Amino acid sequence: MEWDDEIDATGLLCPLPVLKARKRLKGMATGGVLRLIATDPAAVIDVPHFCTEAGHELVSAQNDRNPQVYLIRRG
């Protein structure tokens, strides 16, 4: 799948990956897809929770490897 923007949050710990994603998604058009790369172990819980709470769609989550890769569609 293609994406419109990307954040490399490797090395950043909670809550920074989600905060960076929130800020970037805010500036994107509805339906735009953000690729988030993270190494924070808490991202496995934080990213899906953030998407649910903020009304975004978690298109895919490859969280069984390091780094983890998430595709988030802006709601």
PDB file of N, CA and C in Angstrom:
ATOM      1  N   MET A   1       0.835  -1.185   0.000  1.00  0.00           N
ATOM      2  CA  MET A   1       0.000   0.000   0.000  1.00  0.00           C
ATOM      3  C   MET A   1       0.878   1.245   0.000  1.00  0.00           C
ATOM      4  N   GLU A   2       0.422   2.242  -0.677  1.00  0.00           N
ATOM      5  CA  GLU A   2       1.163   3.507  -0.725  1.00  0.00           C
ATOM      6  C   GLU A   2       0.731   4.404   0.426  1.00  0.00           C
ATOM      7  N   TRP A   3       1.593   5.347   0.788  1.00  0.00           N
ATOM      8  CA  TRP A   3       1.283   6.286   1.850  1.00  0.00           C
ATOM      9  C   TRP A   3       1.641   7.683   1.385  1.00  0.00           C
ATOM     10  N   ASP A   4       1.073   8.672   2.070  1.00  0.00           N
ATOM     11  CA  ASP A   4       1.250  10.076   1.693  1.00  0.00           C
ATOM     12  C   ASP A   4       2.357  10.766   2.467  1.00  0.00           C
ATOM     13  N   ASP A   5       2.627  10.283   3.682  1.00  0.00           N
ATOM     14  CA  ASP A   5       3.649  10.901   4.522  1.00  0.00           C
ATOM     15  C   ASP A   5       4.220   9.826   5.444  1.00  0.00           C
ATOM     16  N   GLU A   6       5.384  10.113   6.009  1.00  0.00           N
ATOM     17  CA  GLU A   6       6.053   9.118   6.848  1.00  0.00           C
ATOM     18  C   GLU A   6       6.732   9.796   8.024  1.00  0.00           C
ATOM     19  N   ILE A   7       6.695   9.107   9.168  1.00  0.00           N
ATOM     20  CA  ILE A   7       7.432   9.550  10.352  1.00  0.00           C
ATOM     21  C   ILE A   7       8.335   8.409  10.787  1.00  0.00           C
ATOM     22  N   ASP A   8       9.600   8.710  10.964  1.00  0.00           N
ATOM     23  CA  ASP A   8      10.544   7.739  11.511  1.00  0.00           C
ATOM     24  C   ASP A   8      10.734   8.085  12.983  1.00  0.00           C
ATOM     25  N   ALA A   9      10.039   7.341  13.840  1.00  0.00           N
ATOM     26  CA  ALA A   9      10.095   7.590  15.279  1.00  0.00           C
ATOM     27  C   ALA A   9      10.966   6.553  15.986  1.00  0.00           C
ATOM     28  N   THR A  10      11.896   5.948  15.246  1.00  0.00           N
ATOM     29  CA  THR A  10      12.774   4.965  15.876  1.00  0.00           C
ATOM     30  C   THR A  10      13.600   5.646  16.965  1.00  0.00           C
ATOM     31  N   GLY A  11      13.725   4.966  18.074  1.00  0.00           N
ATOM     32  CA  GLY A  11      14.490   5.507  19.191  1.00  0.00           C
ATOM     33  C   GLY A  11      13.696   6.392  20.127  1.00  0.00           C
ATOM     34  N   LEU A  12      12.497   6.782  19.738  1.00  0.00           N
ATOM     35  CA  LEU A  12      11.672   7.637  20.595  1.00  0.00           C
ATOM     36  C   LEU A  12      10.778   6.764  21.472  1.00  0.00           C
ATOM     37  N   LEU A  13      10.596   7.202  22.708  1.00  0.00           N
ATOM     38  CA  LEU A  13       9.776   6.458  23.650  1.00  0.00           C
ATOM     39  C   LEU A  13       8.436   7.155  23.882  1.00  0.00           C
ATOM     40  N   CYS A  14       7.500   6.408  24.418  1.00  0.00           N
ATOM     41  CA  CYS A  14       6.158   6.877  24.739  1.00  0.00           C
ATOM     42  C   CYS A  14       6.248   8.176  25.531  1.00  0.00           C
ATOM     43  N   PRO A  15       5.487   9.157  25.172  1.00  0.00           N
ATOM     44  CA  PRO A  15       4.405   9.204  24.193  1.00  0.00           C
ATOM     45  C   PRO A  15       4.805   9.831  22.862  1.00  0.00           C
ATOM     46  N   LEU A  16       6.097  10.011  22.616  1.00  0.00           N
ATOM     47  CA  LEU A  16       6.537  10.773  21.443  1.00  0.00           C
ATOM     48  C   LEU A  16       6.083  10.208  20.092  1.00  0.00           C
ATOM     49  N   PRO A  17       6.133   8.900  19.827  1.00  0.00           N
ATOM     50  CA  PRO A  17       5.670   8.437  18.514  1.00  0.00           C
ATOM     51  C   PRO A  17       4.214   8.825  18.225  1.00  0.00           C
ATOM     52  N   VAL A  18       3.343   8.673  19.223  1.00  0.00           N
ATOM     53  CA  VAL A  18       1.929   9.021  19.033  1.00  0.00           C
ATOM     54  C   VAL A  18       1.753  10.536  18.916  1.00  0.00           C
ATOM     55  N   LEU A  19       2.474  11.294  19.703  1.00  0.00           N
ATOM     56  CA  LEU A  19       2.361  12.753  19.617  1.00  0.00           C
ATOM     57  C   LEU A  19       2.804  13.260  18.255  1.00  0.00           C
ATOM     58  N   LYS A  20       3.878  12.707  17.723  1.00  0.00           N
ATOM     59  CA  LYS A  20       4.338  13.099  16.388  1.00  0.00           C
ATOM     60  C   LYS A  20       3.316  12.701  15.326  1.00  0.00           C
ATOM     61  N   ALA A  21       2.731  11.506  15.468  1.00  0.00           N
ATOM     62  CA  ALA A  21       1.710  11.057  14.520  1.00  0.00           C
ATOM     63  C   ALA A  21       0.495  11.975  14.577  1.00  0.00           C
ATOM     64  N   ARG A  22       0.059  12.327  15.769  1.00  0.00           N
ATOM     65  CA  ARG A  22      -1.103  13.215  15.915  1.00  0.00           C
ATOM     66  C   ARG A  22      -0.868  14.547  15.217  1.00  0.00           C
ATOM     67  N   LYS A  23       0.297  15.134  15.448  1.00  0.00           N
ATOM     68  CA  LYS A  23       0.616  16.430  14.843  1.00  0.00           C
ATOM     69  C   LYS A  23       0.648  16.328  13.319  1.00  0.00           C
ATOM     70  N   ARG A  24       1.279  15.283  12.794  1.00  0.00           N
ATOM     71  CA  ARG A  24       1.388  15.124  11.342  1.00  0.00           C
ATOM     72  C   ARG A  24       0.024  14.865  10.710  1.00  0.00           C
ATOM     73  N   LEU A  25      -0.781  13.995  11.334  1.00  0.00           N
ATOM     74  CA  LEU A  25      -2.107  13.682  10.799  1.00  0.00           C
ATOM     75  C   LEU A  25      -3.007  14.910  10.775  1.00  0.00           C
ATOM     76  N   LYS A  26      -2.843  15.782  11.750  1.00  0.00           N
ATOM     77  CA  LYS A  26      -3.646  17.000  11.821  1.00  0.00           C
ATOM     78  C   LYS A  26      -3.483  17.851  10.563  1.00  0.00           C
ATOM     79  N   GLY A  27      -2.290  17.848   9.991  1.00  0.00           N
ATOM     80  CA  GLY A  27      -2.004  18.639   8.806  1.00  0.00           C
ATOM     81  C   GLY A  27      -2.297  17.930   7.493  1.00  0.00           C
ATOM     82  N   MET A  28      -2.735  16.680   7.561  1.00  0.00           N
ATOM     83  CA  MET A  28      -3.009  15.905   6.349  1.00  0.00           C
ATOM     84  C   MET A  28      -4.484  15.977   5.982  1.00  0.00           C
ATOM     85  N   ALA A  29      -4.784  15.721   4.732  1.00  0.00           N
ATOM     86  CA  ALA A  29      -6.166  15.693   4.260  1.00  0.00           C
ATOM     87  C   ALA A  29      -6.845  14.424   4.769  1.00  0.00           C
ATOM     88  N   THR A  30      -8.152  14.496   4.968  1.00  0.00           N
ATOM     89  CA  THR A  30      -8.925  13.324   5.355  1.00  0.00           C
ATOM     90  C   THR A  30      -8.719  12.229   4.312  1.00  0.00           C
ATOM     91  N   GLY A  31      -8.458  11.020   4.774  1.00  0.00           N
ATOM     92  CA  GLY A  31      -8.200   9.898   3.877  1.00  0.00           C
ATOM     93  C   GLY A  31      -6.733   9.697   3.558  1.00  0.00           C
ATOM     94  N   GLY A  32      -5.895  10.658   3.936  1.00  0.00           N
ATOM     95  CA  GLY A  32      -4.456  10.520   3.726  1.00  0.00           C
ATOM     96  C   GLY A  32      -3.890   9.429   4.616  1.00  0.00           C
ATOM     97  N   VAL A  33      -2.822   8.795   4.180  1.00  0.00           N
ATOM     98  CA  VAL A  33      -2.230   7.686   4.918  1.00  0.00           C
ATOM     99  C   VAL A  33      -0.836   8.071   5.409  1.00  0.00           C
ATOM    100  N   LEU A  34      -0.626   7.864   6.698  1.00  0.00           N
ATOM    101  CA  LEU A  34       0.654   8.128   7.341  1.00  0.00           C
ATOM    102  C   LEU A  34       1.321   6.797   7.663  1.00  0.00           C
ATOM    103  N   ARG A  35       2.599   6.685   7.314  1.00  0.00           N
ATOM    104  CA  ARG A  35       3.400   5.512   7.686  1.00  0.00           C
ATOM    105  C   ARG A  35       4.236   5.904   8.891  1.00  0.00           C
ATOM    106  N   LEU A  36       4.046   5.186   9.987  1.00  0.00           N
ATOM    107  CA  LEU A  36       4.759   5.454  11.234  1.00  0.00           C
ATOM    108  C   LEU A  36       5.693   4.286  11.517  1.00  0.00           C
ATOM    109  N   ILE A  37       6.985   4.585  11.683  1.00  0.00           N
ATOM    110  CA  ILE A  37       7.989   3.573  12.014  1.00  0.00           C
ATOM    111  C   ILE A  37       8.417   3.834  13.459  1.00  0.00           C
ATOM    112  N   ALA A  38       8.320   2.800  14.300  1.00  0.00           N
ATOM    113  CA  ALA A  38       8.616   2.985  15.720  1.00  0.00           C
ATOM    114  C   ALA A  38       9.346   1.767  16.284  1.00  0.00           C
ATOM    115  N   THR A  39      10.125   2.020  17.336  1.00  0.00           N
ATOM    116  CA  THR A  39      10.793   0.938  18.059  1.00  0.00           C
ATOM    117  C   THR A  39      10.331   0.853  19.505  1.00  0.00           C
ATOM    118  N   ASP A  40       9.505   1.776  19.936  1.00  0.00           N
ATOM    119  CA  ASP A  40       9.008   1.799  21.308  1.00  0.00           C
ATOM    120  C   ASP A  40       8.096   0.602  21.568  1.00  0.00           C
ATOM    121  N   PRO A  41       8.406  -0.248  22.542  1.00  0.00           N
ATOM    122  CA  PRO A  41       7.560  -1.411  22.823  1.00  0.00           C
ATOM    123  C   PRO A  41       6.112  -1.036  23.156  1.00  0.00           C
ATOM    124  N   ALA A  42       5.897   0.145  23.725  1.00  0.00           N
ATOM    125  CA  ALA A  42       4.550   0.584  24.082  1.00  0.00           C
ATOM    126  C   ALA A  42       3.713   0.969  22.867  1.00  0.00           C
ATOM    127  N   ALA A  43       4.342   1.165  21.712  1.00  0.00           N
ATOM    128  CA  ALA A  43       3.601   1.552  20.506  1.00  0.00           C
ATOM    129  C   ALA A  43       2.578   0.495  20.109  1.00  0.00           C
ATOM    130  N   VAL A  44       2.833  -0.754  20.463  1.00  0.00           N
ATOM    131  CA  VAL A  44       1.896  -1.848  20.156  1.00  0.00           C
ATOM    132  C   VAL A  44       0.527  -1.569  20.775  1.00  0.00           C
ATOM    133  N   ILE A  45       0.522  -0.928  21.925  1.00  0.00           N
ATOM    134  CA  ILE A  45      -0.725  -0.575  22.600  1.00  0.00           C
ATOM    135  C   ILE A  45      -1.137   0.855  22.255  1.00  0.00           C
ATOM    136  N   ASP A  46      -0.175   1.773  22.255  1.00  0.00           N
ATOM    137  CA  ASP A  46      -0.466   3.196  22.087  1.00  0.00           C
ATOM    138  C   ASP A  46      -1.048   3.551  20.726  1.00  0.00           C
ATOM    139  N   VAL A  47      -0.485   3.011  19.660  1.00  0.00           N
ATOM    140  CA  VAL A  47      -0.922   3.401  18.317  1.00  0.00           C
ATOM    141  C   VAL A  47      -2.361   2.965  18.041  1.00  0.00           C
ATOM    142  N   PRO A  48      -2.736   1.698  18.270  1.00  0.00           N
ATOM    143  CA  PRO A  48      -4.141   1.331  18.043  1.00  0.00           C
ATOM    144  C   PRO A  48      -5.110   2.129  18.924  1.00  0.00           C
ATOM    145  N   HIS A  49      -4.728   2.367  20.179  1.00  0.00           N
ATOM    146  CA  HIS A  49      -5.578   3.138  21.079  1.00  0.00           C
ATOM    147  C   HIS A  49      -5.748   4.566  20.571  1.00  0.00           C
ATOM    148  N   PHE A  50      -4.664   5.177  20.151  1.00  0.00           N
ATOM    149  CA  PHE A  50      -4.720   6.531  19.598  1.00  0.00           C
ATOM    150  C   PHE A  50      -5.659   6.590  18.393  1.00  0.00           C
ATOM    151  N   CYS A  51      -5.535   5.630  17.491  1.00  0.00           N
ATOM    152  CA  CYS A  51      -6.377   5.623  16.294  1.00  0.00           C
ATOM    153  C   CYS A  51      -7.858   5.527  16.661  1.00  0.00           C
ATOM    154  N   THR A  52      -8.181   4.649  17.582  1.00  0.00           N
ATOM    155  CA  THR A  52      -9.572   4.487  18.016  1.00  0.00           C
ATOM    156  C   THR A  52     -10.102   5.772  18.649  1.00  0.00           C
ATOM    157  N   GLU A  53      -9.327   6.350  19.530  1.00  0.00           N
ATOM    158  CA  GLU A  53      -9.768   7.554  20.239  1.00  0.00           C
ATOM    159  C   GLU A  53      -9.863   8.776  19.325  1.00  0.00           C
ATOM    160  N   ALA A  54      -8.985   8.871  18.339  1.00  0.00           N
ATOM    161  CA  ALA A  54      -8.942  10.058  17.480  1.00  0.00           C
ATOM    162  C   ALA A  54      -9.785   9.914  16.214  1.00  0.00           C
ATOM    163  N   GLY A  55     -10.335   8.729  15.965  1.00  0.00           N
ATOM    164  CA  GLY A  55     -11.182   8.541  14.787  1.00  0.00           C
ATOM    165  C   GLY A  55     -10.415   8.248  13.516  1.00  0.00           C
ATOM    166  N   HIS A  56      -9.202   7.750  13.645  1.00  0.00           N
ATOM    167  CA  HIS A  56      -8.407   7.369  12.484  1.00  0.00           C
ATOM    168  C   HIS A  56      -8.493   5.855  12.289  1.00  0.00           C
ATOM    169  N   GLU A  57      -8.191   5.397  11.079  1.00  0.00           N
ATOM    170  CA  GLU A  57      -8.214   3.965  10.791  1.00  0.00           C
ATOM    171  C   GLU A  57      -6.794   3.414  10.804  1.00  0.00           C
ATOM    172  N   LEU A  58      -6.589   2.381  11.602  1.00  0.00           N
ATOM    173  CA  LEU A  58      -5.304   1.676  11.590  1.00  0.00           C
ATOM    174  C   LEU A  58      -5.383   0.668  10.453  1.00  0.00           C
ATOM    175  N   VAL A  59      -4.797   1.032   9.310  1.00  0.00           N
ATOM    176  CA  VAL A  59      -4.888   0.216   8.096  1.00  0.00           C
ATOM    177  C   VAL A  59      -4.087  -1.068   8.251  1.00  0.00           C
ATOM    178  N   SER A  60      -2.883  -0.964   8.793  1.00  0.00           N
ATOM    179  CA  SER A  60      -2.067  -2.153   9.024  1.00  0.00           C
ATOM    180  C   SER A  60      -1.081  -1.889  10.149  1.00  0.00           C
ATOM    181  N   ALA A  61      -0.722  -2.980  10.820  1.00  0.00           N
ATOM    182  CA  ALA A  61       0.244  -2.905  11.912  1.00  0.00           C
ATOM    183  C   ALA A  61       1.176  -4.099  11.798  1.00  0.00           C
ATOM    184  N   GLN A  62       2.426  -3.826  11.510  1.00  0.00           N
ATOM    185  CA  GLN A  62       3.450  -4.870  11.487  1.00  0.00           C
ATOM    186  C   GLN A  62       4.256  -4.698  12.762  1.00  0.00           C
ATOM    187  N   ASN A  63       3.689  -5.208  13.852  1.00  0.00           N
ATOM    188  CA  ASN A  63       4.311  -4.994  15.153  1.00  0.00           C
ATOM    189  C   ASN A  63       4.988  -6.247  15.701  1.00  0.00           C
ATOM    190  N   ASP A  64       5.198  -7.221  14.826  1.00  0.00           N
ATOM    191  CA  ASP A  64       5.886  -8.442  15.243  1.00  0.00           C
ATOM    192  C   ASP A  64       7.365  -8.398  14.911  1.00  0.00           C
ATOM    193  N   ARG A  65       7.852  -7.233  14.536  1.00  0.00           N
ATOM    194  CA  ARG A  65       9.269  -7.078  14.196  1.00  0.00           C
ATOM    195  C   ARG A  65       9.749  -5.737  14.727  1.00  0.00           C
ATOM    196  N   ASN A  66      11.044  -5.519  14.634  1.00  0.00           N
ATOM    197  CA  ASN A  66      11.602  -4.262  15.083  1.00  0.00           C
ATOM    198  C   ASN A  66      12.438  -3.668  13.966  1.00  0.00           C
ATOM    199  N   PRO A  67      12.129  -2.519  13.420  1.00  0.00           N
ATOM    200  CA  PRO A  67      11.105  -1.611  13.905  1.00  0.00           C
ATOM    201  C   PRO A  67       9.690  -2.039  13.495  1.00  0.00           C
ATOM    202  N   GLN A  68       8.737  -1.514  14.234  1.00  0.00           N
ATOM    203  CA  GLN A  68       7.329  -1.725  13.927  1.00  0.00           C
ATOM    204  C   GLN A  68       6.913  -0.720  12.862  1.00  0.00           C
ATOM    205  N   VAL A  69       5.969  -1.114  12.016  1.00  0.00           N
ATOM    206  CA  VAL A  69       5.496  -0.220  10.961  1.00  0.00           C
ATOM    207  C   VAL A  69       3.967  -0.182  11.005  1.00  0.00           C
ATOM    208  N   TYR A  70       3.417   1.022  11.081  1.00  0.00           N
ATOM    209  CA  TYR A  70       1.982   1.232  11.139  1.00  0.00           C
ATOM    210  C   TYR A  70       1.549   2.117   9.967  1.00  0.00           C
ATOM    211  N   LEU A  71       0.431   1.785   9.367  1.00  0.00           N
ATOM    212  CA  LEU A  71      -0.188   2.639   8.364  1.00  0.00           C
ATOM    213  C   LEU A  71      -1.494   3.147   8.958  1.00  0.00           C
ATOM    214  N   ILE A  72      -1.634   4.471   9.009  1.00  0.00           N
ATOM    215  CA  ILE A  72      -2.782   5.108   9.642  1.00  0.00           C
ATOM    216  C   ILE A  72      -3.460   6.000   8.610  1.00  0.00           C
ATOM    217  N   ARG A  73      -4.773   5.766   8.397  1.00  0.00           N
ATOM    218  CA  ARG A  73      -5.560   6.615   7.488  1.00  0.00           C
ATOM    219  C   ARG A  73      -6.270   7.683   8.333  1.00  0.00           C
ATOM    220  N   ARG A  74      -6.068   8.931   7.940  1.00  0.00           N
ATOM    221  CA  ARG A  74      -6.674  10.035   8.692  1.00  0.00           C
ATOM    222  C   ARG A  74      -8.194   9.989   8.546  1.00  0.00           C
ATOM    223  N   GLY A  75      -8.857  10.091   9.688  1.00  0.00           N
ATOM    224  CA  GLY A  75     -10.327  10.088   9.715  1.00  0.00           C
ATOM    225  C   GLY A  75     -10.893  11.474   9.678  1.00  0.00           C
TER     226      GLY A  75
END
